[in-house]
């Protein structure tokens, strides 16, 4: 009990309390550690918003910051649509959705298969969404998905379309998805607060975006050109800078639309910097994608725990962007960091000329890659059809097994021959 201890201290001095001096020496460090953890944990979202009946589409919602955003929004009653590269029947995804529904008491959580590394997959989903009549409700699009090659990678990883993975997933996928969904966003009723929230980070500050550089593009002519050694950090920074420039252009594109009801545009683009967070992507980058790096990461786990935010802490700025009432009025194109609106560190983010050039270059790149992908899929389909024609058919229409395989199956010593014997 504290009363006897205090009495001992009052009448007998500190020396009467066991281990008092080690405790007094350790306590200030524990207090310092506590306040450092609060400081590095960042600001907390204090805004609230009624999310019932809101339809939220989100990428990267199965892990990291996106998973925490999904959990918070679902707990507030939002209908959440997860865009994942897994098919809806995947056991991992089924368990993930069942767990979310149980934890949030919200059955309005669904998944759609959208591979952000494939422009064809994005077009299939987005076109199906836009073609619905009447237009489907869409209150919010949150783009949390991001990827980055390990820091010491000598060669860039590439998407299914042959694009460097940071450029393809972090920027080009978002550009393609929102370009197709733009009519659905503009078709929302005027009294609906529509928000497009894009994730970014401070790496855009030192990035250099050269639209004439061909290292992001796929093609035989581009591959023959000499380029500087690949740097995953530079590629990631370029993709985030492109996202920020595109966000400003998208806001201008939405604002320029004249609604049939003569009401002002109700769609707003918001950029969010969650800060340094302990996500799977961050862990992959810190470990350089190697077992030795993972061993070092585990050894330095206390330091990572102190300096890096948890996914739940990293989600706070996203939640602020989704719930703050002030962000649903006025101009779009704002940047949220530590739950506060901050200014851009670079003026060229708002450069309209650069934005138009990036938009035009991205459209050209998407068209080129989609044409190449269509030709590739047509050739693959033709090869499959030819292979099926060359496969001998039995009288009942069932393909016969090749003779070589049937002969091999009857060889002495095979499982079938041993069983027959």
Protein backbone atom coordinates (compact mmCIF):
# COMPACT_ATOMS: atom_id res chain seq x y z
CA UNK A 1 0.00 0.00 0.00
CA UNK A 2 1.31 3.52 -0.71
CA UNK A 3 0.43 4.87 2.75
CA UNK A 4 2.92 2.66 4.67
CA UNK A 5 5.60 3.35 2.09
CA UNK A 6 5.06 7.10 2.39
CA UNK A 7 5.15 6.78 6.17
CA UNK A 8 8.47 4.95 6.00
CA UNK A 9 9.86 7.68 3.76
CA UNK A 10 8.58 10.45 6.06
CA UNK A 11 9.88 9.02 9.32
CA UNK A 12 12.80 6.83 8.27
CA UNK A 13 14.12 8.47 5.11
CA UNK A 14 14.48 7.16 1.56
CA UNK A 15 16.91 4.49 2.66
CA UNK A 16 14.07 2.57 4.31
CA UNK A 17 12.38 1.93 0.93
CA UNK A 18 13.79 -1.11 -0.93
CA UNK A 19 15.47 -0.37 -4.29
CA UNK A 20 14.50 3.30 -4.08
CA UNK A 21 17.75 4.63 -5.52
CA UNK A 22 17.76 2.39 -8.65
CA UNK A 23 14.12 3.34 -9.13
CA UNK A 24 14.90 7.05 -8.88
CA UNK A 25 17.75 6.68 -11.38
CA UNK A 26 15.61 4.74 -13.88
CA UNK A 27 12.38 6.75 -13.59
CA UNK A 28 13.60 9.87 -15.50
CA UNK A 29 14.71 7.72 -18.44
CA UNK A 30 11.38 5.94 -18.53
CA UNK A 31 9.57 9.27 -18.47
CA UNK A 32 11.81 10.55 -21.29
CA UNK A 33 11.13 7.39 -23.31
CA UNK A 34 7.40 7.84 -22.78
CA UNK A 35 7.39 11.42 -24.07
CA UNK A 36 9.67 10.55 -26.99
CA UNK A 37 7.26 7.80 -28.02
CA UNK A 38 4.36 10.27 -27.87
CA UNK A 39 6.32 12.78 -29.94
CA UNK A 40 7.37 10.32 -32.65
CA UNK A 41 3.87 8.82 -32.66
CA UNK A 42 2.56 12.01 -34.24
CA UNK A 43 -0.72 13.84 -33.89
CA UNK A 44 -4.07 12.20 -33.29
CA UNK A 45 -7.19 12.74 -35.32
CA UNK A 46 -9.83 14.56 -33.26
CA UNK A 47 -12.39 14.96 -36.04
CA UNK A 48 -15.51 12.84 -36.29
CA UNK A 49 -17.93 12.35 -39.14
CA UNK A 50 -21.03 10.27 -39.61
CA UNK A 51 -19.93 7.54 -42.02
CA UNK A 52 -23.12 5.50 -42.19
CA UNK A 53 -24.23 4.96 -45.82
CA UNK A 54 -20.92 6.36 -47.11
CA UNK A 55 -19.32 4.25 -49.85
CA UNK A 56 -15.52 4.20 -49.55
CA UNK A 57 -13.22 2.64 -52.15
CA UNK A 58 -9.69 1.98 -50.90
CA UNK A 59 -6.45 0.48 -52.19
CA UNK A 60 -3.87 -1.07 -49.90
CA UNK A 61 -6.54 -1.83 -47.33
CA UNK A 62 -5.37 -5.29 -46.28
CA UNK A 63 -2.13 -4.33 -44.54
CA UNK A 64 -0.23 -1.42 -43.04
CA UNK A 65 -1.78 2.04 -42.83
CA UNK A 66 -4.62 1.11 -45.19
CA UNK A 67 -5.78 -1.71 -42.92
CA UNK A 68 -6.00 0.70 -39.96
CA UNK A 69 -7.95 3.20 -42.08
CA UNK A 70 -10.38 0.47 -43.14
CA UNK A 71 -10.88 -0.63 -39.53
CA UNK A 72 -11.64 2.89 -38.31
CA UNK A 73 -14.03 3.73 -41.14
CA UNK A 74 -15.84 0.39 -40.88
CA UNK A 75 -16.30 0.91 -37.14
CA UNK A 76 -18.10 4.15 -37.98
CA UNK A 77 -20.49 2.39 -40.34
CA UNK A 78 -18.97 3.07 -43.77
CA UNK A 79 -19.47 0.66 -46.64
CA UNK A 80 -15.91 -0.29 -47.60
CA UNK A 81 -14.81 -1.71 -50.95
CA UNK A 82 -11.30 -3.16 -50.84
CA UNK A 83 -9.41 -3.16 -54.12
CA UNK A 84 -6.89 -6.00 -53.89
CA UNK A 85 -4.91 -8.14 -56.31
CA UNK A 86 -6.31 -11.21 -54.58
CA UNK A 87 -9.49 -12.80 -55.99
CA UNK A 88 -12.49 -12.55 -53.63
CA UNK A 89 -12.32 -16.32 -53.10
CA UNK A 90 -8.74 -16.23 -51.79
CA UNK A 91 -8.64 -17.78 -48.29
CA UNK A 92 -6.49 -14.96 -46.92
CA UNK A 93 -8.89 -12.31 -48.19
CA UNK A 94 -11.95 -14.22 -46.99
CA UNK A 95 -10.46 -14.49 -43.48
CA UNK A 96 -9.46 -10.82 -43.54
CA UNK A 97 -12.97 -9.65 -44.44
CA UNK A 98 -14.62 -12.02 -41.97
CA UNK A 99 -12.35 -10.72 -39.23
CA UNK A 100 -13.12 -7.10 -40.12
CA UNK A 101 -16.84 -7.74 -40.13
CA UNK A 102 -16.64 -9.43 -36.74
CA UNK A 103 -14.49 -6.70 -35.15
CA UNK A 104 -16.53 -3.80 -36.49
CA UNK A 105 -20.02 -5.35 -36.45
CA UNK A 106 -20.28 -4.09 -40.03
CA UNK A 107 -21.22 -6.50 -42.81
CA UNK A 108 -20.81 -3.86 -45.54
CA UNK A 109 -17.19 -4.76 -46.28
CA UNK A 110 -16.47 -6.21 -49.70
CA UNK A 111 -13.52 -6.87 -52.00
CA UNK A 112 -12.94 -6.40 -55.72
CA UNK A 113 -10.00 -7.87 -57.58
CA UNK A 114 -7.91 -5.07 -59.04
CA UNK A 115 -4.23 -5.68 -59.75
CA UNK A 116 -2.59 -2.25 -59.63
CA UNK A 117 0.38 -3.69 -61.51
CA UNK A 118 -1.86 -4.36 -64.53
CA UNK A 119 -3.51 -1.57 -66.51
CA UNK A 120 -5.88 -4.12 -68.07
CA UNK A 121 -7.10 -5.22 -64.62
CA UNK A 122 -7.67 -1.61 -63.59
CA UNK A 123 -9.64 -0.86 -66.76
CA UNK A 124 -11.81 -3.96 -66.34
CA UNK A 125 -12.87 -2.93 -62.84
CA UNK A 126 -13.20 0.82 -63.40
CA UNK A 127 -15.14 0.43 -66.66
CA UNK A 128 -17.57 -1.96 -65.01
CA UNK A 129 -18.07 0.54 -62.18
CA UNK A 130 -18.61 3.52 -64.48
CA UNK A 131 -20.94 1.69 -66.89
CA UNK A 132 -23.51 1.10 -64.16
CA UNK A 133 -26.80 2.98 -64.68
CA UNK A 134 -27.82 4.88 -62.65
CA UNK A 135 -24.36 5.91 -61.42
CA UNK A 136 -23.28 4.01 -58.33
CA UNK A 137 -22.78 5.94 -55.14
CA UNK A 138 -19.14 6.78 -54.40
CA UNK A 139 -18.33 9.12 -51.52
CA UNK A 140 -14.63 8.56 -51.15
CA UNK A 141 -11.62 7.06 -52.91
CA UNK A 142 -8.60 6.46 -50.65
CA UNK A 143 -5.35 5.46 -52.36
CA UNK A 144 -3.04 3.94 -49.73
CA UNK A 145 -1.30 1.32 -51.85
CA UNK A 146 2.39 1.95 -52.55
CA UNK A 147 5.45 -0.12 -53.23
CA UNK A 148 9.18 0.34 -53.47
CA UNK A 149 12.09 -1.79 -54.62
CA UNK A 150 14.76 -2.69 -52.01
CA UNK A 151 17.41 0.04 -51.70
CA UNK A 152 20.27 -2.03 -53.13
CA UNK A 153 18.40 -3.51 -56.08
CA UNK A 154 20.60 -3.43 -59.17
CA UNK A 155 17.68 -3.82 -61.56
CA UNK A 156 14.21 -2.32 -61.34
CA UNK A 157 11.26 -4.56 -60.65
CA UNK A 158 8.60 -4.26 -63.33
CA UNK A 159 4.84 -4.55 -63.53
CA UNK A 160 2.92 -6.84 -65.87
CA UNK A 161 3.05 -4.03 -68.44
CA UNK A 162 6.83 -3.71 -68.19
CA UNK A 163 6.86 -0.44 -66.21
CA UNK A 164 9.20 0.17 -63.27
CA UNK A 165 7.14 -0.95 -60.28
CA UNK A 166 7.25 2.30 -58.24
CA UNK A 167 6.14 4.35 -61.21
CA UNK A 168 3.58 1.79 -62.32
CA UNK A 169 1.88 1.10 -58.97
CA UNK A 170 2.39 4.36 -57.07
CA UNK A 171 1.52 6.73 -59.88
CA UNK A 172 0.39 5.25 -63.19
CA UNK A 173 -2.16 2.91 -61.59
CA UNK A 174 -3.70 5.81 -59.66
CA UNK A 175 -3.74 7.98 -62.77
CA UNK A 176 -5.44 5.25 -64.81
CA UNK A 177 -7.98 4.38 -62.11
CA UNK A 178 -9.05 7.96 -61.41
CA UNK A 179 -9.09 8.91 -65.08
CA UNK A 180 -11.69 6.23 -65.74
CA UNK A 181 -13.62 6.86 -62.50
CA UNK A 182 -13.78 10.60 -63.16
CA UNK A 183 -17.29 10.47 -64.72
CA UNK A 184 -18.56 8.55 -61.69
CA UNK A 185 -17.11 11.16 -59.35
CA UNK A 186 -18.62 14.04 -61.31
CA UNK A 187 -22.03 12.34 -61.43
CA UNK A 188 -22.49 12.35 -57.64
CA UNK A 189 -25.32 14.58 -56.33
CA UNK A 190 -24.36 18.13 -55.40
CA UNK A 191 -25.16 17.63 -51.69
CA UNK A 192 -22.67 14.76 -51.39
CA UNK A 193 -19.19 15.41 -50.01
CA UNK A 194 -16.89 13.49 -52.36
CA UNK A 195 -13.21 13.17 -51.49
CA UNK A 196 -10.25 11.63 -53.32
CA UNK A 197 -7.46 11.03 -50.80
CA UNK A 198 -3.98 10.16 -52.09
CA UNK A 199 -1.04 9.03 -50.02
CA UNK A 200 2.34 10.67 -50.46
CA UNK A 201 5.53 11.21 -48.48
CA UNK A 202 8.40 13.66 -48.05
CA UNK A 203 10.53 11.90 -50.66
CA UNK A 204 8.97 14.13 -53.33
CA UNK A 205 11.00 17.08 -52.02
CA UNK A 206 14.31 15.89 -53.48
CA UNK A 207 12.88 14.15 -56.54
CA UNK A 208 13.58 15.20 -60.12
CA UNK A 209 10.90 14.45 -62.68
CA UNK A 210 12.02 14.53 -66.30
CA UNK A 211 9.12 13.76 -68.62
CA UNK A 212 11.52 13.22 -71.51
CA UNK A 213 13.32 10.45 -69.62
CA UNK A 214 12.35 7.03 -70.94
CA UNK A 215 13.46 4.84 -68.04
CA UNK A 216 9.87 4.43 -66.86
CA UNK A 217 8.60 3.38 -70.28
CA UNK A 218 8.56 -0.01 -71.92
CA UNK A 219 9.65 -0.55 -75.47
CA UNK A 220 12.57 -1.87 -77.45
CA UNK A 221 13.72 1.59 -78.49
CA UNK A 222 13.76 2.82 -74.90
CA UNK A 223 15.56 -0.23 -73.56
CA UNK A 224 18.51 0.33 -75.92
CA UNK A 225 19.13 3.79 -74.55
CA UNK A 226 21.78 4.17 -71.88
CA UNK A 227 20.50 5.30 -68.50
CA UNK A 228 22.13 5.98 -65.13
CA UNK A 229 22.28 3.17 -62.55
CA UNK A 230 18.92 2.34 -61.04
CA UNK A 231 18.09 3.88 -57.66
CA UNK A 232 14.95 2.68 -55.90
CA UNK A 233 14.91 5.79 -53.71
CA UNK A 234 14.95 8.13 -56.70
CA UNK A 235 12.31 6.09 -58.52
CA UNK A 236 10.06 6.17 -55.45
CA UNK A 237 10.51 9.92 -55.03
CA UNK A 238 9.69 10.54 -58.70
CA UNK A 239 6.49 8.51 -58.40
CA UNK A 240 5.37 10.49 -55.35
CA UNK A 241 6.19 13.81 -57.01
CA UNK A 242 4.15 12.72 -60.02
CA UNK A 243 1.24 11.81 -57.72
CA UNK A 244 1.27 15.28 -56.17
CA UNK A 245 1.40 17.06 -59.52
CA UNK A 246 -1.37 14.83 -60.86
CA UNK A 247 -3.52 15.57 -57.81
CA UNK A 248 -3.46 19.29 -58.63
CA UNK A 249 -4.31 18.60 -62.28
CA UNK A 250 -7.14 16.27 -61.29
CA UNK A 251 -8.63 18.93 -59.03
CA UNK A 252 -8.55 21.45 -61.89
CA UNK A 253 -10.08 18.84 -64.19
CA UNK A 254 -12.96 18.28 -61.75
CA UNK A 255 -13.45 22.00 -61.11
CA UNK A 256 -13.70 22.69 -64.85
CA UNK A 257 -16.71 20.41 -65.20
CA UNK A 258 -20.04 22.22 -65.56
CA UNK A 259 -22.68 20.28 -63.70
CA UNK A 260 -26.12 19.98 -65.36
CA UNK A 261 -27.75 21.26 -62.16
CA UNK A 262 -25.50 24.38 -62.22
CA UNK A 263 -24.19 23.51 -58.74
CA UNK A 264 -20.51 23.88 -57.81
CA UNK A 265 -18.26 20.85 -58.00
CA UNK A 266 -18.38 18.78 -54.82
CA UNK A 267 -15.33 16.56 -55.41
CA UNK A 268 -12.09 17.49 -53.68
CA UNK A 269 -8.63 15.98 -53.91
CA UNK A 270 -6.63 15.75 -50.67
CA UNK A 271 -3.03 14.64 -50.30
CA UNK A 272 -1.87 12.94 -47.09
CA UNK A 273 1.63 12.36 -45.74
CA UNK A 274 1.34 9.70 -42.98
CA UNK A 275 4.99 9.98 -41.94
CA UNK A 276 7.47 7.16 -41.30
CA UNK A 277 5.44 4.11 -40.35
CA UNK A 278 6.18 0.47 -39.56
CA UNK A 279 4.42 -0.99 -42.58
CA UNK A 280 5.39 -4.12 -44.56
CA UNK A 281 6.74 -1.85 -47.29
CA UNK A 282 8.90 0.07 -44.81
CA UNK A 283 10.17 -3.18 -43.32
CA UNK A 284 11.07 -4.46 -46.78
CA UNK A 285 12.97 -1.27 -47.52
CA UNK A 286 14.82 -1.23 -44.18
CA UNK A 287 15.83 -4.87 -44.51
CA UNK A 288 16.87 -4.42 -48.17
CA UNK A 289 14.79 -7.51 -48.91
CA UNK A 290 17.42 -9.83 -47.42
CA UNK A 291 17.63 -12.23 -44.48
CA UNK A 292 20.68 -10.43 -43.08
CA UNK A 293 18.78 -7.16 -43.25
CA UNK A 294 15.86 -8.78 -41.44
CA UNK A 295 18.25 -9.95 -38.71
CA UNK A 296 19.58 -6.40 -38.28
CA UNK A 297 16.02 -5.07 -38.26
CA UNK A 298 15.05 -7.46 -35.47
CA UNK A 299 18.16 -6.51 -33.48
CA UNK A 300 17.28 -2.83 -33.82
CA UNK A 301 13.57 -3.37 -33.22
CA UNK A 302 13.49 -1.18 -30.06
CA UNK A 303 14.86 1.74 -32.08
CA UNK A 304 12.32 1.16 -34.87
CA UNK A 305 9.55 0.90 -32.29
CA UNK A 306 10.55 4.27 -30.84
CA UNK A 307 11.20 6.25 -34.02
CA UNK A 308 8.58 4.84 -36.41
CA UNK A 309 4.84 5.16 -36.10
CA UNK A 310 2.59 2.16 -35.80
CA UNK A 311 0.12 1.64 -38.68
CA UNK A 312 -2.67 2.91 -36.42
CA UNK A 313 -0.71 6.11 -35.74
CA UNK A 314 0.15 6.52 -39.43
CA UNK A 315 -3.54 6.31 -40.29
CA UNK A 316 -4.47 9.39 -38.25
CA UNK A 317 -3.80 11.91 -41.04
CA UNK A 318 -5.84 9.78 -43.48
CA UNK A 319 -8.70 9.75 -40.99
CA UNK A 320 -8.40 13.51 -40.59
CA UNK A 321 -8.63 13.95 -44.37
CA UNK A 322 -11.68 11.67 -44.46
CA UNK A 323 -13.57 13.19 -41.52
CA UNK A 324 -12.65 16.85 -41.06
CA UNK A 325 -15.64 19.01 -42.03
CA UNK A 326 -13.48 21.97 -43.13
CA UNK A 327 -11.85 19.83 -45.83
CA UNK A 328 -15.28 19.25 -47.38
CA UNK A 329 -15.61 22.94 -48.22
CA UNK A 330 -13.44 25.35 -50.15
CA UNK A 331 -10.70 24.51 -52.59
CA UNK A 332 -9.21 21.08 -53.05
CA UNK A 333 -5.61 20.06 -53.56
CA UNK A 334 -4.60 20.44 -49.91
CA UNK A 335 -1.80 18.57 -48.15
CA UNK A 336 -2.38 17.05 -44.70
CA UNK A 337 0.54 16.09 -42.46
CA UNK A 338 0.33 15.33 -38.73
CA UNK A 339 -3.41 16.07 -38.95
CA UNK A 340 -2.68 19.65 -40.03
CA UNK A 341 -2.88 21.39 -43.38
CA UNK A 342 0.65 22.28 -44.49
CA UNK A 343 2.15 24.05 -47.48
CA UNK A 344 3.98 22.28 -50.27
CA UNK A 345 7.76 22.24 -50.02
CA UNK A 346 8.05 22.68 -53.79
CA UNK A 347 6.37 25.30 -55.94
CA UNK A 348 6.40 23.17 -59.08
CA UNK A 349 3.75 20.90 -57.55
CA UNK A 350 1.20 23.56 -58.51
CA UNK A 351 2.80 24.31 -61.89
CA UNK A 352 -0.10 24.10 -64.37
CA UNK A 353 2.17 23.70 -67.40
CA UNK A 354 4.03 20.81 -65.81
CA UNK A 355 0.71 19.29 -64.77
CA UNK A 356 -0.64 19.38 -68.32
CA UNK A 357 2.56 17.88 -69.70
CA UNK A 358 2.51 15.07 -67.14
CA UNK A 359 -1.15 14.34 -67.86
CA UNK A 360 -0.55 14.18 -71.63
CA UNK A 361 2.57 12.02 -71.22
CA UNK A 362 0.72 9.66 -68.89
CA UNK A 363 -2.20 9.30 -71.29
CA UNK A 364 0.19 8.49 -74.11
CA UNK A 365 2.04 5.96 -71.98
CA UNK A 366 -1.18 4.26 -70.86
CA UNK A 367 -2.45 4.04 -74.45
CA UNK A 368 0.84 2.56 -75.65
CA UNK A 369 1.02 0.01 -72.85
CA UNK A 370 -2.62 -1.01 -73.26
CA UNK A 371 -2.13 -1.57 -76.98
CA UNK A 372 0.94 -3.71 -76.30
CA UNK A 373 -0.97 -5.62 -73.64
CA UNK A 374 -3.92 -6.23 -75.97
CA UNK A 375 -1.61 -7.59 -78.67
CA UNK A 376 0.16 -9.79 -76.14
CA UNK A 377 -3.12 -11.22 -74.79
CA UNK A 378 -4.40 -11.86 -78.33
CA UNK A 379 -1.22 -13.79 -79.19
CA UNK A 380 -1.46 -15.80 -75.98
CA UNK A 381 -5.09 -16.63 -76.71
CA UNK A 382 -4.19 -17.71 -80.22
CA UNK A 383 -1.44 -19.96 -78.91
CA UNK A 384 -3.83 -21.56 -76.43
CA UNK A 385 -6.41 -22.19 -79.14
CA UNK A 386 -3.79 -23.76 -81.41
CA UNK A 387 -2.58 -25.94 -78.55
CA UNK A 388 -6.15 -27.09 -77.91
CA UNK A 389 -6.66 -27.90 -81.61
CA UNK A 390 -3.47 -29.96 -81.70
CA UNK A 391 -4.54 -31.96 -78.66
CA UNK A 392 -6.18 -35.23 -79.85
CA UNK A 393 -9.81 -35.66 -78.85
CA UNK A 394 -11.58 -38.89 -77.93
CA UNK A 395 -15.00 -39.83 -79.27
CA UNK A 396 -16.71 -38.31 -76.24
CA UNK A 397 -14.90 -34.99 -76.68
CA UNK A 398 -12.40 -35.51 -73.87
CA UNK A 399 -8.81 -34.67 -74.67
CA UNK A 400 -6.59 -37.74 -74.84
CA UNK A 401 -3.37 -37.86 -72.92
CA UNK A 402 -0.23 -37.87 -75.03
CA UNK A 403 1.00 -41.35 -75.95
CA UNK A 404 4.36 -40.74 -74.37
CA UNK A 405 2.78 -40.12 -71.00
CA UNK A 406 0.59 -43.26 -71.21
CA UNK A 407 3.58 -45.38 -72.17
CA UNK A 408 5.61 -43.86 -69.35
CA UNK A 409 2.80 -44.63 -66.93
CA UNK A 410 2.95 -48.34 -67.86
CA UNK A 411 6.71 -48.68 -67.54
CA UNK A 412 7.87 -51.38 -65.15
CA UNK A 413 8.53 -49.95 -61.74
CA UNK A 414 5.90 -47.19 -62.04
CA UNK A 415 3.23 -46.78 -59.38
CA UNK A 416 0.52 -48.12 -61.71
CA UNK A 417 2.52 -51.23 -62.68
CA UNK A 418 3.41 -51.96 -59.06
CA UNK A 419 -0.23 -51.60 -58.03
CA UNK A 420 -1.35 -53.92 -60.85
CA UNK A 421 1.25 -56.46 -59.84
